[in-house]
Amino acid sequence: MAWEYGRPLHSLPQGRAFLQKFRKRFGSDSLSYAPFAYDATWVAILAMKDAGSAQPARYVPAVRATQYEGVTGKIAFDANGDLKHPASTLYQVKGGRWTAVTTIAIE
């Protein structure tokens, strides 16, 4: 058994499309943190665009104000900079494959 951040990718609205694009581009299944890295990159890009700068002092405040519908779900931050409504999923190996057992989300 293992815990992993987020919800099962195949259960998310953009998850299956992400998996298909990943397989097409890289010729393999998605790595565990690939969708998170993808979303984090887009949050940073959008914050830099909003701030009109790639200087951290200018775009970091814009990151906290970002609301983005990503592959991993809706991304938004609270006043402390923590992710709003985080989730994690417990997986178990069944028949040689990781299978989601339960997902816990803070609402």
C-alpha atoms as a PDB file:
ATOM      1  CA  MET A   1       0.000   0.000   0.000  1.00  0.00           C
ATOM      2  CA  ALA A   2       1.096   3.571  -0.610  1.00  0.00           C
ATOM      3  CA  TRP A   3      -0.293   7.088  -0.255  1.00  0.00           C
ATOM      4  CA  GLU A   4       0.085   9.508  -3.133  1.00  0.00           C
ATOM      5  CA  TYR A   5      -0.873  13.161  -3.387  1.00  0.00           C
ATOM      6  CA  GLY A   6      -3.956  13.968  -5.432  1.00  0.00           C
ATOM      7  CA  ARG A   7      -6.805  12.000  -6.898  1.00  0.00           C
ATOM      8  CA  PRO A   8      -6.413   9.114  -9.341  1.00  0.00           C
ATOM      9  CA  LEU A   9      -5.548  10.731 -12.653  1.00  0.00           C
ATOM     10  CA  HIS A  10      -8.016   8.656 -14.664  1.00  0.00           C
ATOM     11  CA  SER A  11     -10.864   9.987 -12.477  1.00  0.00           C
ATOM     12  CA  LEU A  12     -10.159  13.660 -13.247  1.00  0.00           C
ATOM     13  CA  PRO A  13     -11.785  15.530 -16.164  1.00  0.00           C
ATOM     14  CA  GLN A  14      -8.469  16.222 -17.923  1.00  0.00           C
ATOM     15  CA  GLY A  15      -6.671  13.121 -16.641  1.00  0.00           C
ATOM     16  CA  ARG A  16      -7.288  10.718 -19.515  1.00  0.00           C
ATOM     17  CA  ALA A  17      -6.348  13.319 -22.136  1.00  0.00           C
ATOM     18  CA  PHE A  18      -3.128  14.072 -20.222  1.00  0.00           C
ATOM     19  CA  LEU A  19      -2.267  10.370 -20.095  1.00  0.00           C
ATOM     20  CA  GLN A  20      -2.871   9.979 -23.843  1.00  0.00           C
ATOM     21  CA  LYS A  21      -0.727  13.013 -24.692  1.00  0.00           C
ATOM     22  CA  PHE A  22       2.022  11.830 -22.336  1.00  0.00           C
ATOM     23  CA  ARG A  23       2.083   8.360 -23.918  1.00  0.00           C
ATOM     24  CA  LYS A  24       2.134   9.833 -27.416  1.00  0.00           C
ATOM     25  CA  ARG A  25       4.954  12.265 -26.593  1.00  0.00           C
ATOM     26  CA  PHE A  26       7.156  10.038 -24.413  1.00  0.00           C
ATOM     27  CA  GLY A  27       6.146   6.490 -25.413  1.00  0.00           C
ATOM     28  CA  SER A  28       5.419   5.398 -21.849  1.00  0.00           C
ATOM     29  CA  ASP A  29       2.864   5.743 -19.085  1.00  0.00           C
ATOM     30  CA  SER A  30       2.884   8.945 -17.073  1.00  0.00           C
ATOM     31  CA  LEU A  31       5.322   9.185 -14.201  1.00  0.00           C
ATOM     32  CA  SER A  32       3.789   9.738 -10.746  1.00  0.00           C
ATOM     33  CA  TYR A  33       4.522  13.431 -10.483  1.00  0.00           C
ATOM     34  CA  ALA A  34       4.291  14.413 -14.164  1.00  0.00           C
ATOM     35  CA  PRO A  35       0.759  15.883 -13.925  1.00  0.00           C
ATOM     36  CA  PHE A  36       1.733  17.869 -10.806  1.00  0.00           C
ATOM     37  CA  ALA A  37       4.840  19.229 -12.527  1.00  0.00           C
ATOM     38  CA  TYR A  38       2.753  20.137 -15.575  1.00  0.00           C
ATOM     39  CA  ASP A  39       0.219  22.028 -13.454  1.00  0.00           C
ATOM     40  CA  ALA A  40       2.899  23.733 -11.348  1.00  0.00           C
ATOM     41  CA  THR A  41       4.636  24.912 -14.497  1.00  0.00           C
ATOM     42  CA  TRP A  42       1.426  26.403 -15.860  1.00  0.00           C
ATOM     43  CA  VAL A  43       0.645  28.116 -12.551  1.00  0.00           C
ATOM     44  CA  ALA A  44       4.114  29.729 -12.665  1.00  0.00           C
ATOM     45  CA  ILE A  45       3.724  30.727 -16.333  1.00  0.00           C
ATOM     46  CA  LEU A  46       0.318  32.298 -15.711  1.00  0.00           C
ATOM     47  CA  ALA A  47       1.574  34.125 -12.619  1.00  0.00           C
ATOM     48  CA  MET A  48       4.536  35.523 -14.590  1.00  0.00           C
ATOM     49  CA  LYS A  49       2.176  36.683 -17.336  1.00  0.00           C
ATOM     50  CA  ASP A  50      -0.157  38.324 -14.799  1.00  0.00           C
ATOM     51  CA  ALA A  51       2.782  40.005 -13.046  1.00  0.00           C
ATOM     52  CA  GLY A  52       4.403  41.011 -16.329  1.00  0.00           C
ATOM     53  CA  SER A  53       7.715  39.709 -14.997  1.00  0.00           C
ATOM     54  CA  ALA A  54       9.819  36.612 -14.453  1.00  0.00           C
ATOM     55  CA  GLN A  55      11.351  38.170 -11.326  1.00  0.00           C
ATOM     56  CA  PRO A  56      10.287  36.160  -8.247  1.00  0.00           C
ATOM     57  CA  ALA A  57       9.638  39.292  -6.204  1.00  0.00           C
ATOM     58  CA  ARG A  58       7.021  40.288  -8.783  1.00  0.00           C
ATOM     59  CA  TYR A  59       5.405  36.993  -9.778  1.00  0.00           C
ATOM     60  CA  VAL A  60       5.305  35.077  -6.466  1.00  0.00           C
ATOM     61  CA  PRO A  61       2.425  37.212  -5.137  1.00  0.00           C
ATOM     62  CA  ALA A  62       0.580  36.458  -8.398  1.00  0.00           C
ATOM     63  CA  VAL A  63       1.019  32.710  -7.777  1.00  0.00           C
ATOM     64  CA  ARG A  64      -1.025  32.992  -4.599  1.00  0.00           C
ATOM     65  CA  ALA A  65      -3.823  34.740  -6.500  1.00  0.00           C
ATOM     66  CA  THR A  66      -3.847  32.149  -9.283  1.00  0.00           C
ATOM     67  CA  GLN A  67      -6.898  29.994  -9.857  1.00  0.00           C
ATOM     68  CA  TYR A  68      -6.220  27.364 -12.485  1.00  0.00           C
ATOM     69  CA  GLU A  69      -8.192  24.359 -13.710  1.00  0.00           C
ATOM     70  CA  GLY A  70      -5.341  21.902 -14.096  1.00  0.00           C
ATOM     71  CA  VAL A  71      -4.866  18.270 -14.955  1.00  0.00           C
ATOM     72  CA  THR A  72      -4.830  17.469 -11.222  1.00  0.00           C
ATOM     73  CA  GLY A  73      -7.987  19.491 -10.550  1.00  0.00           C
ATOM     74  CA  LYS A  74      -8.759  23.053  -9.507  1.00  0.00           C
ATOM     75  CA  ILE A  75      -5.691  24.826  -8.159  1.00  0.00           C
ATOM     76  CA  ALA A  76      -6.095  27.754  -5.797  1.00  0.00           C
ATOM     77  CA  PHE A  77      -4.253  28.849  -2.668  1.00  0.00           C
ATOM     78  CA  ASP A  78      -5.341  30.095   0.755  1.00  0.00           C
ATOM     79  CA  ALA A  79      -3.977  33.138   2.603  1.00  0.00           C
ATOM     80  CA  ASN A  80      -0.975  31.114   3.826  1.00  0.00           C
ATOM     81  CA  GLY A  81      -0.105  29.936   0.314  1.00  0.00           C
ATOM     82  CA  ASP A  82      -1.328  26.392   0.975  1.00  0.00           C
ATOM     83  CA  LEU A  83      -3.314  24.522  -1.655  1.00  0.00           C
ATOM     84  CA  LYS A  84      -7.060  24.797  -1.109  1.00  0.00           C
ATOM     85  CA  HIS A  85      -8.909  21.469  -1.016  1.00  0.00           C
ATOM     86  CA  PRO A  86      -5.903  19.120  -1.197  1.00  0.00           C
ATOM     87  CA  ALA A  87      -6.465  15.405  -1.661  1.00  0.00           C
ATOM     88  CA  SER A  88      -4.465  12.212  -1.346  1.00  0.00           C
ATOM     89  CA  THR A  89      -5.219   8.663  -2.400  1.00  0.00           C
ATOM     90  CA  LEU A  90      -4.387   5.322  -0.835  1.00  0.00           C
ATOM     91  CA  TYR A  91      -3.328   2.694  -3.380  1.00  0.00           C
ATOM     92  CA  GLN A  92      -2.918  -1.051  -3.048  1.00  0.00           C
ATOM     93  CA  VAL A  93      -1.342  -3.520  -5.448  1.00  0.00           C
ATOM     94  CA  LYS A  94      -4.009  -5.874  -6.817  1.00  0.00           C
ATOM     95  CA  GLY A  95      -3.251  -8.266  -9.640  1.00  0.00           C
ATOM     96  CA  GLY A  96       0.153  -6.647 -10.148  1.00  0.00           C
ATOM     97  CA  ARG A  97      -1.282  -3.125 -10.615  1.00  0.00           C
ATOM     98  CA  TRP A  98      -1.703  -0.159  -8.299  1.00  0.00           C
ATOM     99  CA  THR A  99      -5.412   0.251  -7.563  1.00  0.00           C
ATOM    100  CA  ALA A 100      -7.013   3.181  -5.744  1.00  0.00           C
ATOM    101  CA  VAL A 101      -8.538   2.153  -2.417  1.00  0.00           C
ATOM    102  CA  THR A 102      -9.774   5.515  -1.140  1.00  0.00           C
ATOM    103  CA  THR A 103      -9.254   9.222  -1.669  1.00  0.00           C
ATOM    104  CA  ILE A 104      -9.379  11.739   1.159  1.00  0.00           C
ATOM    105  CA  ALA A 105      -9.927  15.414   0.352  1.00  0.00           C
ATOM    106  CA  ILE A 106     -10.071  18.422   2.629  1.00  0.00           C
ATOM    107  CA  GLU A 107     -13.063  20.481   1.603  1.00  0.00           C
END
